[in-house]
Amino acid sequence: MSGTDTSTAHMEDLGAGAFAIRGDLTFETIAAVLAASQSLFAAHQHIEIDMSEVAQADSAAVALLLEWLSWARGFDRQIQYQNIPQQILAIAQISGIAELLGGGRPSS
């Protein structure tokens, strides 16, 4: 990896507790996405996250989804993942935690 890595990720607020993640969910981008989510999620009881525009993902993405699940349980919220990329589902399946992600309706 070069010092000019330009991978990015951001969350888009679609309204009514719906969000979309766009870009790469990797070790390089996960901290910014987590920080953004804290203020975005705070006002919502039901949260839905569309991941159909995630380009690349690594095990950090799985850790992020688990962190969000833990947060939701701790604050009595509901969170659902839509269109989880195959990269993330494969890591979750190998790790034996795919069922925790609620199926996530994988992207095709």
N, C-alpha and C. Protein backbone atom coordinates (compact mmCIF):
# COMPACT_ATOMS: atom_id res chain seq x y z
N MET A 1 0.85 -1.17 0.00
CA MET A 1 0.00 0.00 0.00
C MET A 1 0.89 1.23 0.00
N SER A 2 0.57 2.18 -0.84
CA SER A 2 1.40 3.38 -0.95
C SER A 2 0.93 4.44 0.04
N GLY A 3 1.75 5.44 0.24
CA GLY A 3 1.42 6.55 1.12
C GLY A 3 0.36 7.46 0.54
N THR A 4 -0.05 7.21 -0.69
CA THR A 4 -1.07 8.03 -1.33
C THR A 4 -2.40 7.30 -1.43
N ASP A 5 -2.67 6.44 -0.48
CA ASP A 5 -3.93 5.70 -0.46
C ASP A 5 -5.09 6.68 -0.37
N THR A 6 -6.03 6.56 -1.30
CA THR A 6 -7.15 7.50 -1.34
C THR A 6 -8.47 6.82 -1.01
N SER A 7 -8.44 5.63 -0.42
CA SER A 7 -9.70 4.98 -0.09
C SER A 7 -10.47 5.79 0.93
N THR A 8 -11.74 5.87 0.70
CA THR A 8 -12.61 6.63 1.57
C THR A 8 -13.91 5.86 1.79
N ALA A 9 -14.61 6.25 2.80
CA ALA A 9 -15.95 5.74 3.06
C ALA A 9 -16.72 6.86 3.75
N HIS A 10 -17.99 6.91 3.48
CA HIS A 10 -18.82 7.87 4.20
C HIS A 10 -20.24 7.33 4.32
N MET A 11 -20.94 7.87 5.29
CA MET A 11 -22.33 7.49 5.52
C MET A 11 -23.23 8.61 5.01
N GLU A 12 -24.29 8.21 4.37
CA GLU A 12 -25.28 9.17 3.90
C GLU A 12 -26.57 8.96 4.68
N ASP A 13 -27.12 10.01 5.22
CA ASP A 13 -28.38 9.96 5.94
C ASP A 13 -29.50 10.04 4.92
N LEU A 14 -30.28 8.96 4.78
CA LEU A 14 -31.37 8.91 3.82
C LEU A 14 -32.70 9.33 4.43
N GLY A 15 -32.69 9.61 5.73
CA GLY A 15 -33.90 10.03 6.44
C GLY A 15 -34.61 8.87 7.12
N ALA A 16 -35.33 9.18 8.17
CA ALA A 16 -36.16 8.22 8.91
C ALA A 16 -35.37 7.00 9.39
N GLY A 17 -34.13 7.20 9.79
CA GLY A 17 -33.31 6.12 10.33
C GLY A 17 -32.65 5.24 9.29
N ALA A 18 -32.75 5.62 8.03
CA ALA A 18 -32.11 4.87 6.95
C ALA A 18 -30.80 5.55 6.56
N PHE A 19 -29.77 4.73 6.37
CA PHE A 19 -28.45 5.23 6.03
C PHE A 19 -27.84 4.37 4.93
N ALA A 20 -26.94 4.96 4.17
CA ALA A 20 -26.19 4.21 3.16
C ALA A 20 -24.71 4.44 3.39
N ILE A 21 -23.95 3.38 3.24
CA ILE A 21 -22.49 3.50 3.32
C ILE A 21 -21.96 3.42 1.90
N ARG A 22 -21.09 4.34 1.57
CA ARG A 22 -20.50 4.39 0.23
C ARG A 22 -18.98 4.38 0.36
N GLY A 23 -18.32 3.60 -0.50
CA GLY A 23 -16.87 3.55 -0.50
C GLY A 23 -16.32 2.26 0.09
N ASP A 24 -15.12 2.34 0.63
CA ASP A 24 -14.42 1.18 1.17
C ASP A 24 -14.54 1.12 2.69
N LEU A 25 -14.88 -0.05 3.20
CA LEU A 25 -14.91 -0.27 4.65
C LEU A 25 -13.70 -1.13 5.00
N THR A 26 -12.62 -0.46 5.35
CA THR A 26 -11.35 -1.13 5.62
C THR A 26 -10.74 -0.56 6.90
N PHE A 27 -9.62 -1.15 7.30
CA PHE A 27 -8.92 -0.65 8.49
C PHE A 27 -8.63 0.84 8.37
N GLU A 28 -8.39 1.32 7.16
CA GLU A 28 -8.06 2.74 6.95
C GLU A 28 -9.25 3.66 7.10
N THR A 29 -10.46 3.16 6.87
CA THR A 29 -11.63 4.05 6.85
C THR A 29 -12.61 3.85 8.00
N ILE A 30 -12.49 2.77 8.71
CA ILE A 30 -13.50 2.38 9.68
C ILE A 30 -13.67 3.38 10.82
N ALA A 31 -12.60 3.97 11.30
CA ALA A 31 -12.69 4.91 12.43
C ALA A 31 -13.56 6.11 12.07
N ALA A 32 -13.41 6.62 10.87
CA ALA A 32 -14.21 7.78 10.45
C ALA A 32 -15.69 7.41 10.32
N VAL A 33 -15.97 6.23 9.81
CA VAL A 33 -17.36 5.79 9.67
C VAL A 33 -17.99 5.60 11.05
N LEU A 34 -17.26 4.98 11.96
CA LEU A 34 -17.77 4.79 13.32
C LEU A 34 -18.05 6.14 13.99
N ALA A 35 -17.13 7.07 13.87
CA ALA A 35 -17.31 8.40 14.47
C ALA A 35 -18.54 9.10 13.89
N ALA A 36 -18.73 9.02 12.58
CA ALA A 36 -19.88 9.65 11.93
C ALA A 36 -21.18 9.01 12.40
N SER A 37 -21.16 7.70 12.57
CA SER A 37 -22.38 7.00 12.93
C SER A 37 -22.89 7.38 14.31
N GLN A 38 -22.02 7.73 15.22
CA GLN A 38 -22.44 8.02 16.58
C GLN A 38 -23.44 9.16 16.63
N SER A 39 -23.20 10.22 15.92
CA SER A 39 -24.16 11.32 15.93
C SER A 39 -25.35 11.04 15.02
N LEU A 40 -25.13 10.34 13.92
CA LEU A 40 -26.23 10.05 13.00
C LEU A 40 -27.26 9.10 13.61
N PHE A 41 -26.81 8.11 14.36
CA PHE A 41 -27.72 7.10 14.90
C PHE A 41 -28.45 7.56 16.16
N ALA A 42 -27.93 8.53 16.86
CA ALA A 42 -28.41 8.89 18.19
C ALA A 42 -29.91 9.16 18.26
N ALA A 43 -30.50 9.74 17.26
CA ALA A 43 -31.90 10.15 17.31
C ALA A 43 -32.88 9.07 16.83
N HIS A 44 -32.39 7.89 16.51
CA HIS A 44 -33.25 6.87 15.88
C HIS A 44 -33.37 5.60 16.71
N GLN A 45 -34.59 5.09 16.81
CA GLN A 45 -34.84 3.81 17.46
C GLN A 45 -34.62 2.65 16.50
N HIS A 46 -35.00 2.84 15.26
CA HIS A 46 -34.87 1.82 14.22
C HIS A 46 -33.90 2.34 13.17
N ILE A 47 -32.86 1.57 12.94
CA ILE A 47 -31.80 1.99 12.02
C ILE A 47 -31.65 0.92 10.95
N GLU A 48 -31.60 1.36 9.71
CA GLU A 48 -31.38 0.46 8.58
C GLU A 48 -30.18 0.97 7.80
N ILE A 49 -29.23 0.08 7.54
CA ILE A 49 -28.01 0.47 6.85
C ILE A 49 -27.90 -0.30 5.54
N ASP A 50 -27.91 0.44 4.44
CA ASP A 50 -27.75 -0.14 3.12
C ASP A 50 -26.26 -0.14 2.76
N MET A 51 -25.76 -1.29 2.42
CA MET A 51 -24.33 -1.43 2.12
C MET A 51 -24.08 -1.75 0.64
N SER A 52 -25.06 -1.50 -0.20
CA SER A 52 -24.95 -1.87 -1.61
C SER A 52 -23.85 -1.11 -2.35
N GLU A 53 -23.41 0.02 -1.81
CA GLU A 53 -22.36 0.78 -2.49
C GLU A 53 -21.01 0.70 -1.78
N VAL A 54 -20.83 -0.35 -0.98
CA VAL A 54 -19.51 -0.61 -0.40
C VAL A 54 -18.68 -1.29 -1.47
N ALA A 55 -17.57 -0.68 -1.83
CA ALA A 55 -16.73 -1.19 -2.91
C ALA A 55 -15.78 -2.29 -2.44
N GLN A 56 -15.07 -2.06 -1.35
CA GLN A 56 -14.12 -3.01 -0.79
C GLN A 56 -14.38 -3.12 0.70
N ALA A 57 -14.07 -4.29 1.26
CA ALA A 57 -14.25 -4.49 2.69
C ALA A 57 -13.24 -5.51 3.18
N ASP A 58 -12.88 -5.38 4.47
CA ASP A 58 -12.01 -6.36 5.09
C ASP A 58 -12.59 -6.70 6.47
N SER A 59 -11.83 -7.38 7.29
CA SER A 59 -12.35 -7.81 8.59
C SER A 59 -12.73 -6.63 9.49
N ALA A 60 -12.18 -5.47 9.25
CA ALA A 60 -12.57 -4.29 10.03
C ALA A 60 -14.05 -3.97 9.81
N ALA A 61 -14.57 -4.25 8.62
CA ALA A 61 -15.99 -4.02 8.35
C ALA A 61 -16.86 -4.92 9.22
N VAL A 62 -16.45 -6.16 9.39
CA VAL A 62 -17.18 -7.08 10.25
C VAL A 62 -17.17 -6.56 11.68
N ALA A 63 -16.01 -6.10 12.12
CA ALA A 63 -15.90 -5.55 13.48
C ALA A 63 -16.82 -4.35 13.64
N LEU A 64 -16.93 -3.51 12.63
CA LEU A 64 -17.82 -2.35 12.70
C LEU A 64 -19.28 -2.77 12.84
N LEU A 65 -19.70 -3.74 12.04
CA LEU A 65 -21.09 -4.19 12.12
C LEU A 65 -21.39 -4.79 13.49
N LEU A 66 -20.44 -5.53 14.05
CA LEU A 66 -20.62 -6.07 15.40
C LEU A 66 -20.66 -4.96 16.44
N GLU A 67 -19.84 -3.94 16.28
CA GLU A 67 -19.85 -2.80 17.19
C GLU A 67 -21.21 -2.11 17.17
N TRP A 68 -21.77 -1.91 15.98
CA TRP A 68 -23.08 -1.29 15.86
C TRP A 68 -24.16 -2.15 16.51
N LEU A 69 -24.08 -3.48 16.34
CA LEU A 69 -25.05 -4.36 16.99
C LEU A 69 -24.96 -4.24 18.51
N SER A 70 -23.75 -4.21 19.02
CA SER A 70 -23.55 -4.07 20.46
C SER A 70 -24.11 -2.74 20.96
N TRP A 71 -23.83 -1.67 20.23
CA TRP A 71 -24.36 -0.35 20.59
C TRP A 71 -25.88 -0.39 20.61
N ALA A 72 -26.48 -0.96 19.57
CA ALA A 72 -27.94 -1.00 19.46
C ALA A 72 -28.55 -1.76 20.63
N ARG A 73 -27.96 -2.88 20.99
CA ARG A 73 -28.48 -3.66 22.12
C ARG A 73 -28.33 -2.88 23.43
N GLY A 74 -27.21 -2.21 23.59
CA GLY A 74 -26.96 -1.45 24.81
C GLY A 74 -27.88 -0.26 24.99
N PHE A 75 -28.38 0.28 23.89
CA PHE A 75 -29.26 1.45 23.96
C PHE A 75 -30.69 1.13 23.53
N ASP A 76 -31.04 -0.16 23.55
CA ASP A 76 -32.39 -0.61 23.21
C ASP A 76 -32.86 -0.07 21.86
N ARG A 77 -32.02 -0.28 20.86
CA ARG A 77 -32.35 0.14 19.48
C ARG A 77 -32.38 -1.10 18.60
N GLN A 78 -32.95 -0.96 17.43
CA GLN A 78 -32.95 -2.03 16.44
C GLN A 78 -32.12 -1.58 15.25
N ILE A 79 -31.30 -2.49 14.75
CA ILE A 79 -30.46 -2.17 13.60
C ILE A 79 -30.54 -3.32 12.60
N GLN A 80 -30.66 -2.98 11.34
CA GLN A 80 -30.73 -3.96 10.27
C GLN A 80 -29.74 -3.58 9.19
N TYR A 81 -29.13 -4.61 8.61
CA TYR A 81 -28.19 -4.40 7.51
C TYR A 81 -28.82 -4.91 6.22
N GLN A 82 -28.70 -4.12 5.19
CA GLN A 82 -29.21 -4.49 3.87
C GLN A 82 -28.04 -4.56 2.88
N ASN A 83 -28.12 -5.53 1.99
CA ASN A 83 -27.14 -5.64 0.90
C ASN A 83 -25.70 -5.75 1.40
N ILE A 84 -25.49 -6.63 2.36
CA ILE A 84 -24.13 -6.83 2.87
C ILE A 84 -23.27 -7.42 1.76
N PRO A 85 -22.13 -6.81 1.47
CA PRO A 85 -21.25 -7.34 0.42
C PRO A 85 -20.76 -8.75 0.74
N GLN A 86 -20.55 -9.53 -0.31
CA GLN A 86 -20.09 -10.91 -0.15
C GLN A 86 -18.78 -10.98 0.63
N GLN A 87 -17.89 -10.00 0.46
CA GLN A 87 -16.62 -9.99 1.19
C GLN A 87 -16.86 -10.03 2.70
N ILE A 88 -17.81 -9.25 3.16
CA ILE A 88 -18.11 -9.18 4.58
C ILE A 88 -18.78 -10.47 5.05
N LEU A 89 -19.75 -10.96 4.27
CA LEU A 89 -20.43 -12.19 4.64
C LEU A 89 -19.47 -13.37 4.70
N ALA A 90 -18.52 -13.43 3.78
CA ALA A 90 -17.56 -14.53 3.78
C ALA A 90 -16.72 -14.52 5.06
N ILE A 91 -16.26 -13.35 5.46
CA ILE A 91 -15.47 -13.24 6.70
C ILE A 91 -16.33 -13.63 7.89
N ALA A 92 -17.57 -13.17 7.92
CA ALA A 92 -18.47 -13.48 9.02
C ALA A 92 -18.76 -14.98 9.08
N GLN A 93 -18.94 -15.62 7.93
CA GLN A 93 -19.21 -17.05 7.91
C GLN A 93 -18.01 -17.85 8.40
N ILE A 94 -16.83 -17.49 7.94
CA ILE A 94 -15.61 -18.16 8.38
C ILE A 94 -15.43 -18.00 9.89
N SER A 95 -15.81 -16.86 10.41
CA SER A 95 -15.67 -16.56 11.84
C SER A 95 -16.80 -17.16 12.67
N GLY A 96 -17.82 -17.71 12.02
CA GLY A 96 -18.94 -18.30 12.74
C GLY A 96 -19.90 -17.29 13.33
N ILE A 97 -19.94 -16.09 12.77
CA ILE A 97 -20.81 -15.05 13.33
C ILE A 97 -21.81 -14.49 12.32
N ALA A 98 -21.96 -15.14 11.18
CA ALA A 98 -22.85 -14.63 10.14
C ALA A 98 -24.27 -14.44 10.64
N GLU A 99 -24.74 -15.36 11.51
CA GLU A 99 -26.11 -15.25 12.01
C GLU A 99 -26.33 -14.00 12.85
N LEU A 100 -25.26 -13.47 13.45
CA LEU A 100 -25.40 -12.24 14.22
C LEU A 100 -25.75 -11.03 13.35
N LEU A 101 -25.38 -11.11 12.09
CA LEU A 101 -25.64 -9.99 11.19
C LEU A 101 -27.07 -10.02 10.64
N GLY A 102 -27.84 -11.01 11.07
CA GLY A 102 -29.25 -11.06 10.70
C GLY A 102 -29.50 -11.39 9.25
N GLY A 103 -28.61 -12.09 8.62
CA GLY A 103 -28.81 -12.44 7.23
C GLY A 103 -28.35 -11.32 6.31
N GLY A 104 -28.74 -10.12 6.63
CA GLY A 104 -28.25 -8.95 5.92
C GLY A 104 -28.62 -8.84 4.47
N ARG A 105 -29.46 -9.74 3.98
CA ARG A 105 -29.81 -9.70 2.57
C ARG A 105 -28.60 -9.38 1.71
N PRO A 106 -27.81 -10.38 1.37
CA PRO A 106 -26.59 -10.12 0.61
C PRO A 106 -26.85 -9.46 -0.72
N SER A 107 -25.86 -8.69 -1.17
CA SER A 107 -25.97 -8.09 -2.49
C SER A 107 -25.70 -9.17 -3.53
N SER A 108 -26.23 -8.97 -4.71
CA SER A 108 -26.04 -9.99 -5.75
C SER A 108 -24.78 -9.77 -6.55
